[in-house]
Amino acid sequence: MTLDELIIKCKKHDATAQGELYKQYNRVLFAICLRYSPNYTEAEDNLQDAFIIIFKKIEQYNGKGSFEGWMKRVTVNTVLQKYRKQKTYQIVDEGQIEDEAEVEIESEEIPLDFLLKIVQELPDRYRLVFSMYVMDGYQHKEIAEMLGISDGTSKSNLARARMILKNKIEDYNAKNYNT
């Protein structure tokens, strides 16, 4: 079955087609959920929520642009909406960190599972801004609009996230590579 046929059947609420769509895209969308979620279990919940929204809103997909891109956007928005509702994330005043200078990290090879773990350990707002900017390529203006913050706050949250990650990686390197 082609992707277009799959989409048409999903629009008709065909459970078999929905299952096939899930099977084809759950890994890609789960990777996004992992980046935005504080832990594996929440990422699983977020994936479930994202697919529910995708199936509810699939009629809105009009064939313009990539379907995978549309699903990724729905997934990101689903996760962000959840965190906006919680309002438990830490807000950093934009005056605390002035620039968004790149943080250089000198290291040996760092295991991917360690990197994912330390990104997930970031405070919610830092994790969201870091993931949106570094991993998904959003600009600060877009991030600010999506999270309801200023551009400066987005920049300061990114800088703070980078500093936290840099410190954790330096600690990791000190433990594992210094003799």
N, C-alpha and C. Protein backbone atom coordinates (compact mmCIF):
# COMPACT_ATOMS: atom_id res chain seq x y z
N MET A 1 0.85 -1.18 0.00
CA MET A 1 0.00 0.00 0.00
C MET A 1 0.90 1.24 0.00
N THR A 2 0.60 2.18 -0.88
CA THR A 2 1.40 3.41 -0.95
C THR A 2 1.03 4.33 0.21
N LEU A 3 1.87 5.32 0.44
CA LEU A 3 1.61 6.27 1.52
C LEU A 3 0.30 7.01 1.26
N ASP A 4 0.05 7.41 0.01
CA ASP A 4 -1.19 8.12 -0.30
C ASP A 4 -2.42 7.26 0.00
N GLU A 5 -2.34 5.97 -0.35
CA GLU A 5 -3.45 5.06 -0.06
C GLU A 5 -3.64 4.91 1.45
N LEU A 6 -2.52 4.83 2.15
CA LEU A 6 -2.55 4.70 3.61
C LEU A 6 -3.22 5.92 4.24
N ILE A 7 -2.86 7.09 3.77
CA ILE A 7 -3.45 8.34 4.29
C ILE A 7 -4.96 8.37 4.03
N ILE A 8 -5.36 8.00 2.82
CA ILE A 8 -6.79 8.00 2.48
C ILE A 8 -7.56 7.06 3.40
N LYS A 9 -7.00 5.87 3.63
CA LYS A 9 -7.67 4.91 4.50
C LYS A 9 -7.70 5.39 5.96
N CYS A 10 -6.62 6.05 6.39
CA CYS A 10 -6.60 6.59 7.76
C CYS A 10 -7.65 7.69 7.91
N LYS A 11 -7.85 8.47 6.86
CA LYS A 11 -8.88 9.51 6.90
C LYS A 11 -10.28 8.91 7.03
N LYS A 12 -10.41 7.65 6.61
CA LYS A 12 -11.69 6.93 6.74
C LYS A 12 -11.74 6.11 8.03
N HIS A 13 -10.76 6.35 8.92
CA HIS A 13 -10.69 5.70 10.23
C HIS A 13 -10.50 4.19 10.14
N ASP A 14 -9.80 3.74 9.11
CA ASP A 14 -9.50 2.32 8.93
C ASP A 14 -8.42 1.91 9.94
N ALA A 15 -8.79 1.04 10.89
CA ALA A 15 -7.87 0.65 11.97
C ALA A 15 -6.64 -0.08 11.45
N THR A 16 -6.78 -0.87 10.41
CA THR A 16 -5.63 -1.57 9.84
C THR A 16 -4.64 -0.57 9.25
N ALA A 17 -5.14 0.41 8.55
CA ALA A 17 -4.28 1.45 7.98
C ALA A 17 -3.62 2.27 9.09
N GLN A 18 -4.36 2.56 10.14
CA GLN A 18 -3.78 3.30 11.27
C GLN A 18 -2.66 2.49 11.91
N GLY A 19 -2.86 1.20 12.05
CA GLY A 19 -1.83 0.33 12.60
C GLY A 19 -0.59 0.31 11.72
N GLU A 20 -0.79 0.28 10.42
CA GLU A 20 0.34 0.29 9.49
C GLU A 20 1.08 1.63 9.54
N LEU A 21 0.34 2.71 9.62
CA LEU A 21 0.97 4.03 9.73
C LEU A 21 1.79 4.11 11.01
N TYR A 22 1.24 3.61 12.09
CA TYR A 22 1.96 3.58 13.36
C TYR A 22 3.24 2.77 13.22
N LYS A 23 3.13 1.59 12.61
CA LYS A 23 4.28 0.71 12.44
C LYS A 23 5.39 1.39 11.62
N GLN A 24 5.00 2.14 10.60
CA GLN A 24 5.98 2.79 9.73
C GLN A 24 6.66 3.99 10.37
N TYR A 25 5.97 4.71 11.24
CA TYR A 25 6.49 5.99 11.72
C TYR A 25 6.73 6.08 13.22
N ASN A 26 6.42 5.04 14.00
CA ASN A 26 6.53 5.18 15.44
C ASN A 26 7.97 5.42 15.88
N ARG A 27 8.95 4.84 15.23
CA ARG A 27 10.35 5.05 15.65
C ARG A 27 10.81 6.48 15.41
N VAL A 28 10.46 7.03 14.27
CA VAL A 28 10.85 8.41 13.95
C VAL A 28 10.22 9.38 14.94
N LEU A 29 8.94 9.19 15.20
CA LEU A 29 8.24 10.10 16.11
C LEU A 29 8.63 9.86 17.56
N PHE A 30 8.96 8.62 17.90
CA PHE A 30 9.41 8.34 19.27
C PHE A 30 10.74 9.03 19.55
N ALA A 31 11.61 9.09 18.55
CA ALA A 31 12.89 9.80 18.72
C ALA A 31 12.65 11.27 19.07
N ILE A 32 11.67 11.85 18.45
CA ILE A 32 11.31 13.25 18.76
C ILE A 32 10.78 13.32 20.20
N CYS A 33 9.91 12.41 20.55
CA CYS A 33 9.35 12.40 21.91
C CYS A 33 10.44 12.23 22.96
N LEU A 34 11.42 11.39 22.69
CA LEU A 34 12.53 11.20 23.62
C LEU A 34 13.30 12.50 23.85
N ARG A 35 13.51 13.25 22.78
CA ARG A 35 14.26 14.51 22.90
C ARG A 35 13.51 15.54 23.74
N TYR A 36 12.20 15.53 23.67
CA TYR A 36 11.41 16.54 24.35
C TYR A 36 10.91 16.11 25.73
N SER A 37 11.06 14.84 26.05
CA SER A 37 10.51 14.31 27.30
C SER A 37 11.60 14.10 28.34
N PRO A 38 11.23 14.20 29.62
CA PRO A 38 12.23 14.03 30.68
C PRO A 38 12.64 12.58 30.93
N ASN A 39 11.87 11.62 30.40
CA ASN A 39 12.24 10.22 30.60
C ASN A 39 11.54 9.35 29.56
N TYR A 40 11.94 8.10 29.52
CA TYR A 40 11.45 7.14 28.53
C TYR A 40 9.94 6.92 28.64
N THR A 41 9.46 6.79 29.88
CA THR A 41 8.04 6.52 30.09
C THR A 41 7.18 7.68 29.59
N GLU A 42 7.61 8.89 29.89
CA GLU A 42 6.85 10.05 29.41
C GLU A 42 6.92 10.17 27.89
N ALA A 43 8.06 9.79 27.32
CA ALA A 43 8.19 9.80 25.87
C ALA A 43 7.19 8.83 25.24
N GLU A 44 7.02 7.67 25.87
CA GLU A 44 6.03 6.70 25.37
C GLU A 44 4.62 7.29 25.44
N ASP A 45 4.31 7.94 26.56
CA ASP A 45 2.99 8.58 26.70
C ASP A 45 2.81 9.67 25.65
N ASN A 46 3.86 10.45 25.43
CA ASN A 46 3.78 11.53 24.45
C ASN A 46 3.59 10.99 23.03
N LEU A 47 4.24 9.87 22.73
CA LEU A 47 4.05 9.25 21.42
C LEU A 47 2.61 8.81 21.24
N GLN A 48 2.07 8.18 22.26
CA GLN A 48 0.67 7.75 22.22
C GLN A 48 -0.25 8.95 21.98
N ASP A 49 -0.04 10.01 22.74
CA ASP A 49 -0.86 11.22 22.57
C ASP A 49 -0.71 11.80 21.17
N ALA A 50 0.52 11.80 20.65
CA ALA A 50 0.77 12.35 19.32
C ALA A 50 0.01 11.56 18.25
N PHE A 51 0.04 10.24 18.35
CA PHE A 51 -0.68 9.45 17.35
C PHE A 51 -2.19 9.63 17.46
N ILE A 52 -2.69 9.81 18.65
CA ILE A 52 -4.12 10.09 18.80
C ILE A 52 -4.48 11.38 18.07
N ILE A 53 -3.66 12.40 18.26
CA ILE A 53 -3.90 13.69 17.59
C ILE A 53 -3.73 13.54 16.07
N ILE A 54 -2.70 12.82 15.65
CA ILE A 54 -2.48 12.61 14.21
C ILE A 54 -3.72 11.96 13.58
N PHE A 55 -4.25 10.92 14.21
CA PHE A 55 -5.41 10.25 13.66
C PHE A 55 -6.66 11.14 13.71
N LYS A 56 -6.78 11.96 14.73
CA LYS A 56 -7.93 12.88 14.81
C LYS A 56 -7.84 13.99 13.77
N LYS A 57 -6.61 14.46 13.50
CA LYS A 57 -6.43 15.62 12.63
C LYS A 57 -5.93 15.28 11.23
N ILE A 58 -5.87 14.00 10.89
CA ILE A 58 -5.32 13.61 9.60
C ILE A 58 -6.11 14.21 8.43
N GLU A 59 -7.37 14.50 8.68
CA GLU A 59 -8.19 15.15 7.64
C GLU A 59 -7.64 16.52 7.28
N GLN A 60 -6.92 17.15 8.20
CA GLN A 60 -6.36 18.48 7.95
C GLN A 60 -5.13 18.44 7.04
N TYR A 61 -4.52 17.26 6.91
CA TYR A 61 -3.36 17.15 6.01
C TYR A 61 -3.89 17.23 4.58
N ASN A 62 -3.42 18.24 3.85
CA ASN A 62 -3.95 18.50 2.52
C ASN A 62 -3.04 18.06 1.38
N GLY A 63 -2.00 17.32 1.69
CA GLY A 63 -1.12 16.83 0.63
C GLY A 63 -0.01 17.78 0.26
N LYS A 64 -0.02 18.96 0.83
CA LYS A 64 1.06 19.92 0.55
C LYS A 64 2.18 19.68 1.53
N GLY A 65 3.38 19.50 1.04
CA GLY A 65 4.52 19.24 1.91
C GLY A 65 4.57 17.77 2.29
N SER A 66 5.60 17.45 3.00
CA SER A 66 5.85 16.07 3.42
C SER A 66 4.87 15.64 4.50
N PHE A 67 4.29 14.46 4.34
CA PHE A 67 3.41 13.93 5.36
C PHE A 67 4.18 13.64 6.64
N GLU A 68 5.40 13.11 6.49
CA GLU A 68 6.24 12.86 7.66
C GLU A 68 6.53 14.16 8.40
N GLY A 69 6.82 15.21 7.64
CA GLY A 69 7.06 16.52 8.25
C GLY A 69 5.83 17.02 9.00
N TRP A 70 4.65 16.79 8.42
CA TRP A 70 3.41 17.19 9.09
C TRP A 70 3.25 16.43 10.40
N MET A 71 3.51 15.12 10.37
CA MET A 71 3.38 14.31 11.59
C MET A 71 4.41 14.74 12.64
N LYS A 72 5.62 15.08 12.21
CA LYS A 72 6.63 15.55 13.15
C LYS A 72 6.17 16.84 13.82
N ARG A 73 5.61 17.72 13.04
CA ARG A 73 5.12 19.00 13.58
C ARG A 73 4.00 18.76 14.60
N VAL A 74 3.07 17.87 14.25
CA VAL A 74 1.99 17.53 15.17
C VAL A 74 2.57 16.95 16.46
N THR A 75 3.57 16.09 16.33
CA THR A 75 4.19 15.47 17.51
C THR A 75 4.84 16.52 18.40
N VAL A 76 5.63 17.40 17.81
CA VAL A 76 6.29 18.46 18.59
C VAL A 76 5.23 19.32 19.27
N ASN A 77 4.22 19.73 18.53
CA ASN A 77 3.17 20.58 19.11
C ASN A 77 2.40 19.87 20.22
N THR A 78 2.17 18.58 20.07
CA THR A 78 1.47 17.80 21.09
C THR A 78 2.27 17.80 22.40
N VAL A 79 3.57 17.53 22.28
CA VAL A 79 4.42 17.50 23.47
C VAL A 79 4.51 18.89 24.10
N LEU A 80 4.72 19.91 23.27
CA LEU A 80 4.82 21.28 23.80
C LEU A 80 3.53 21.71 24.49
N GLN A 81 2.41 21.33 23.91
CA GLN A 81 1.12 21.69 24.51
C GLN A 81 0.99 21.08 25.90
N LYS A 82 1.47 19.85 26.05
CA LYS A 82 1.42 19.19 27.36
C LYS A 82 2.23 19.97 28.38
N TYR A 83 3.42 20.40 28.01
CA TYR A 83 4.27 21.13 28.96
C TYR A 83 3.77 22.55 29.20
N ARG A 84 3.15 23.15 28.20
CA ARG A 84 2.57 24.49 28.42
C ARG A 84 1.44 24.41 29.44
N LYS A 85 0.66 23.34 29.38
CA LYS A 85 -0.44 23.17 30.33
C LYS A 85 0.07 22.95 31.75
N GLN A 86 1.19 22.24 31.88
CA GLN A 86 1.72 21.93 33.21
C GLN A 86 2.23 23.18 33.92
N LYS A 87 2.82 24.08 33.19
CA LYS A 87 3.36 25.32 33.75
C LYS A 87 4.31 25.06 34.92
N THR A 88 4.99 23.91 34.90
CA THR A 88 5.90 23.61 35.99
C THR A 88 7.36 23.80 35.59
N TYR A 89 7.58 24.24 34.37
CA TYR A 89 8.96 24.38 33.95
C TYR A 89 9.59 25.62 34.56
N GLN A 90 10.88 25.59 34.63
CA GLN A 90 11.65 26.66 35.23
C GLN A 90 11.86 27.78 34.21
N ILE A 91 11.55 28.98 34.59
CA ILE A 91 11.73 30.11 33.69
C ILE A 91 12.97 30.87 34.11
N VAL A 92 13.79 31.17 33.13
CA VAL A 92 15.02 31.92 33.39
C VAL A 92 14.83 33.30 32.80
N ASP A 93 15.09 34.29 33.58
CA ASP A 93 14.98 35.67 33.11
C ASP A 93 16.01 35.90 32.02
N GLU A 94 15.58 36.58 30.94
CA GLU A 94 16.48 36.78 29.80
C GLU A 94 17.71 37.60 30.15
N GLY A 95 17.71 38.32 31.24
CA GLY A 95 18.87 39.11 31.61
C GLY A 95 19.98 38.30 32.25
N GLN A 96 19.69 37.07 32.64
CA GLN A 96 20.69 36.27 33.33
C GLN A 96 21.84 35.84 32.43
N ILE A 97 21.55 35.56 31.18
CA ILE A 97 22.59 35.17 30.24
C ILE A 97 22.40 36.01 29.00
N GLU A 98 23.43 36.75 28.64
CA GLU A 98 23.29 37.72 27.57
C GLU A 98 23.43 37.16 26.17
N ASP A 99 24.38 36.27 25.95
CA ASP A 99 24.55 35.80 24.58
C ASP A 99 24.39 34.30 24.48
N GLU A 100 24.34 33.87 23.26
CA GLU A 100 24.09 32.47 22.99
C GLU A 100 25.36 31.84 22.43
N ALA A 101 26.49 32.21 22.95
CA ALA A 101 27.77 31.72 22.45
C ALA A 101 27.79 30.19 22.45
N GLU A 102 28.41 29.66 21.42
CA GLU A 102 28.55 28.21 21.32
C GLU A 102 29.39 27.71 22.48
N VAL A 103 29.02 26.59 23.00
CA VAL A 103 29.78 25.96 24.07
C VAL A 103 30.63 24.87 23.42
N GLU A 104 31.93 24.98 23.55
CA GLU A 104 32.80 23.96 22.99
C GLU A 104 33.02 22.87 24.02
N ILE A 105 32.91 21.65 23.55
CA ILE A 105 33.09 20.51 24.42
C ILE A 105 34.19 19.65 23.84
N GLU A 106 35.26 19.50 24.61
CA GLU A 106 36.32 18.61 24.19
C GLU A 106 36.11 17.28 24.87
N SER A 107 36.02 16.23 24.06
CA SER A 107 35.77 14.94 24.68
C SER A 107 36.21 13.81 23.77
N GLU A 108 36.32 12.69 24.40
CA GLU A 108 36.47 11.45 23.66
C GLU A 108 35.06 11.10 23.19
N GLU A 109 34.87 9.90 22.70
CA GLU A 109 33.53 9.51 22.30
C GLU A 109 32.62 9.38 23.50
N ILE A 110 31.46 10.01 23.38
CA ILE A 110 30.47 9.97 24.45
C ILE A 110 29.35 9.03 23.98
N PRO A 111 28.96 8.07 24.79
CA PRO A 111 27.87 7.17 24.39
C PRO A 111 26.56 7.92 24.17
N LEU A 112 25.85 7.52 23.13
CA LEU A 112 24.59 8.17 22.79
C LEU A 112 23.58 8.08 23.94
N ASP A 113 23.53 6.95 24.63
CA ASP A 113 22.57 6.82 25.72
C ASP A 113 22.88 7.81 26.85
N PHE A 114 24.16 8.11 27.08
CA PHE A 114 24.53 9.11 28.08
C PHE A 114 24.07 10.50 27.64
N LEU A 115 24.29 10.83 26.36
CA LEU A 115 23.87 12.14 25.86
C LEU A 115 22.36 12.31 25.97
N LEU A 116 21.62 11.29 25.59
CA LEU A 116 20.16 11.35 25.69
C LEU A 116 19.74 11.53 27.14
N LYS A 117 20.39 10.80 28.03
CA LYS A 117 20.06 10.87 29.46
C LYS A 117 20.28 12.29 30.01
N ILE A 118 21.41 12.91 29.66
CA ILE A 118 21.66 14.24 30.22
C ILE A 118 20.77 15.31 29.60
N VAL A 119 20.37 15.12 28.35
CA VAL A 119 19.41 16.05 27.75
C VAL A 119 18.06 15.90 28.46
N GLN A 120 17.66 14.66 28.73
CA GLN A 120 16.39 14.43 29.41
C GLN A 120 16.39 14.95 30.84
N GLU A 121 17.56 15.05 31.46
CA GLU A 121 17.66 15.55 32.83
C GLU A 121 17.59 17.07 32.93
N LEU A 122 17.68 17.75 31.80
CA LEU A 122 17.59 19.22 31.83
C LEU A 122 16.21 19.63 32.36
N PRO A 123 16.14 20.78 33.04
CA PRO A 123 14.82 21.30 33.40
C PRO A 123 13.96 21.42 32.14
N ASP A 124 12.66 21.26 32.29
CA ASP A 124 11.75 21.22 31.12
C ASP A 124 12.01 22.32 30.10
N ARG A 125 12.04 23.56 30.54
CA ARG A 125 12.17 24.66 29.59
C ARG A 125 13.50 24.58 28.85
N TYR A 126 14.57 24.29 29.55
CA TYR A 126 15.87 24.17 28.89
C TYR A 126 15.86 23.05 27.87
N ARG A 127 15.29 21.90 28.27
CA ARG A 127 15.24 20.75 27.37
C ARG A 127 14.43 21.07 26.12
N LEU A 128 13.30 21.73 26.30
CA LEU A 128 12.45 22.06 25.16
C LEU A 128 13.17 23.02 24.20
N VAL A 129 13.74 24.08 24.74
CA VAL A 129 14.43 25.06 23.90
C VAL A 129 15.64 24.42 23.22
N PHE A 130 16.42 23.64 23.97
CA PHE A 130 17.59 22.98 23.40
C PHE A 130 17.18 22.05 22.26
N SER A 131 16.18 21.23 22.48
CA SER A 131 15.73 20.29 21.45
C SER A 131 15.19 21.01 20.23
N MET A 132 14.41 22.04 20.46
CA MET A 132 13.83 22.77 19.34
C MET A 132 14.91 23.47 18.52
N TYR A 133 15.87 24.09 19.18
CA TYR A 133 16.89 24.86 18.48
C TYR A 133 17.97 23.97 17.86
N VAL A 134 18.56 23.11 18.68
CA VAL A 134 19.71 22.33 18.24
C VAL A 134 19.29 21.13 17.38
N MET A 135 18.28 20.43 17.80
CA MET A 135 17.94 19.18 17.13
C MET A 135 16.92 19.34 16.01
N ASP A 136 16.01 20.29 16.15
CA ASP A 136 14.96 20.44 15.15
C ASP A 136 15.09 21.69 14.30
N GLY A 137 16.06 22.52 14.59
CA GLY A 137 16.36 23.66 13.73
C GLY A 137 15.41 24.84 13.79
N TYR A 138 14.61 24.94 14.84
CA TYR A 138 13.75 26.12 14.98
C TYR A 138 14.61 27.33 15.32
N GLN A 139 14.17 28.50 14.90
CA GLN A 139 14.83 29.75 15.26
C GLN A 139 14.24 30.26 16.57
N HIS A 140 14.97 31.16 17.24
CA HIS A 140 14.51 31.65 18.54
C HIS A 140 13.14 32.33 18.46
N LYS A 141 12.89 33.02 17.38
CA LYS A 141 11.59 33.68 17.24
C LYS A 141 10.46 32.65 17.22
N GLU A 142 10.67 31.55 16.49
CA GLU A 142 9.66 30.48 16.43
C GLU A 142 9.49 29.82 17.80
N ILE A 143 10.60 29.56 18.46
CA ILE A 143 10.56 28.93 19.78
C ILE A 143 9.80 29.83 20.75
N ALA A 144 10.12 31.11 20.70
CA ALA A 144 9.47 32.08 21.59
C ALA A 144 7.95 32.06 21.39
N GLU A 145 7.53 32.05 20.12
CA GLU A 145 6.10 32.04 19.83
C GLU A 145 5.44 30.75 20.32
N MET A 146 6.12 29.62 20.08
CA MET A 146 5.53 28.33 20.44
C MET A 146 5.45 28.13 21.95
N LEU A 147 6.42 28.68 22.69
CA LEU A 147 6.45 28.49 24.14
C LEU A 147 5.88 29.68 24.91
N GLY A 148 5.56 30.76 24.22
CA GLY A 148 5.01 31.93 24.89
C GLY A 148 6.03 32.66 25.74
N ILE A 149 7.26 32.77 25.22
CA ILE A 149 8.35 33.46 25.91
C ILE A 149 8.95 34.48 24.95
N SER A 150 9.89 35.28 25.44
CA SER A 150 10.55 36.24 24.55
C SER A 150 11.72 35.57 23.84
N ASP A 151 12.20 36.19 22.75
CA ASP A 151 13.38 35.70 22.03
C ASP A 151 14.57 35.63 22.99
N GLY A 152 14.73 36.66 23.81
CA GLY A 152 15.86 36.71 24.74
C GLY A 152 15.82 35.58 25.76
N THR A 153 14.63 35.25 26.23
CA THR A 153 14.50 34.14 27.17
C THR A 153 14.83 32.83 26.49
N SER A 154 14.43 32.68 25.24
CA SER A 154 14.78 31.48 24.49
C SER A 154 16.29 31.36 24.37
N LYS A 155 16.95 32.45 24.04
CA LYS A 155 18.41 32.45 23.92
C LYS A 155 19.09 32.14 25.25
N SER A 156 18.60 32.73 26.31
CA SER A 156 19.23 32.48 27.61
C SER A 156 18.99 31.05 28.08
N ASN A 157 17.81 30.50 27.81
CA ASN A 157 17.54 29.11 28.17
C ASN A 157 18.43 28.16 27.38
N LEU A 158 18.66 28.47 26.12
CA LEU A 158 19.56 27.65 25.31
C LEU A 158 20.98 27.71 25.85
N ALA A 159 21.44 28.90 26.16
CA ALA A 159 22.80 29.05 26.69
C ALA A 159 22.94 28.31 28.02
N ARG A 160 21.95 28.40 28.87
CA ARG A 160 21.99 27.70 30.16
C ARG A 160 21.98 26.19 29.95
N ALA A 161 21.16 25.71 29.03
CA ALA A 161 21.13 24.27 28.74
C ALA A 161 22.49 23.80 28.24
N ARG A 162 23.09 24.56 27.37
CA ARG A 162 24.41 24.18 26.86
C ARG A 162 25.46 24.14 27.97
N MET A 163 25.39 25.09 28.88
CA MET A 163 26.35 25.10 29.98
C MET A 163 26.16 23.88 30.90
N ILE A 164 24.92 23.55 31.19
CA ILE A 164 24.64 22.39 32.03
C ILE A 164 25.17 21.13 31.34
N LEU A 165 24.88 20.99 30.05
CA LEU A 165 25.34 19.81 29.31
C LEU A 165 26.87 19.76 29.25
N LYS A 166 27.47 20.90 29.02
CA LYS A 166 28.95 20.97 28.98
C LYS A 166 29.54 20.49 30.30
N ASN A 167 28.99 20.97 31.41
CA ASN A 167 29.49 20.57 32.73
C ASN A 167 29.32 19.07 32.96
N LYS A 168 28.19 18.52 32.56
CA LYS A 168 27.96 17.08 32.74
C LYS A 168 28.90 16.26 31.86
N ILE A 169 29.16 16.73 30.67
CA ILE A 169 30.07 16.02 29.78
C ILE A 169 31.50 16.11 30.30
N GLU A 170 31.87 17.26 30.81
CA GLU A 170 33.21 17.40 31.41
C GLU A 170 33.37 16.47 32.61
N ASP A 171 32.34 16.37 33.44
CA ASP A 171 32.37 15.45 34.58
C ASP A 171 32.51 14.01 34.09
N TYR A 172 31.76 13.68 33.06
CA TYR A 172 31.82 12.33 32.49
C TYR A 172 33.23 12.03 31.98
N ASN A 173 33.79 12.99 31.25
CA ASN A 173 35.13 12.81 30.70
C ASN A 173 36.17 12.68 31.81
N ALA A 174 36.02 13.45 32.86
CA ALA A 174 36.96 13.40 33.97
C ALA A 174 36.92 12.02 34.63
N LYS A 175 35.74 11.46 34.77
CA LYS A 175 35.59 10.14 35.39
C LYS A 175 36.11 9.02 34.50
N ASN A 176 35.89 9.16 33.19
CA ASN A 176 36.15 8.04 32.29
C ASN A 176 37.45 8.10 31.50
N TYR A 177 38.06 9.27 31.41
CA TYR A 177 39.23 9.37 30.55
C TYR A 177 40.48 9.88 31.24
N ASN A 178 40.38 10.31 32.46
CA ASN A 178 41.56 10.75 33.19
C ASN A 178 42.13 9.59 33.98
N THR A 179 43.42 9.43 33.91
CA THR A 179 44.04 8.34 34.64
C THR A 179 44.94 8.87 35.73
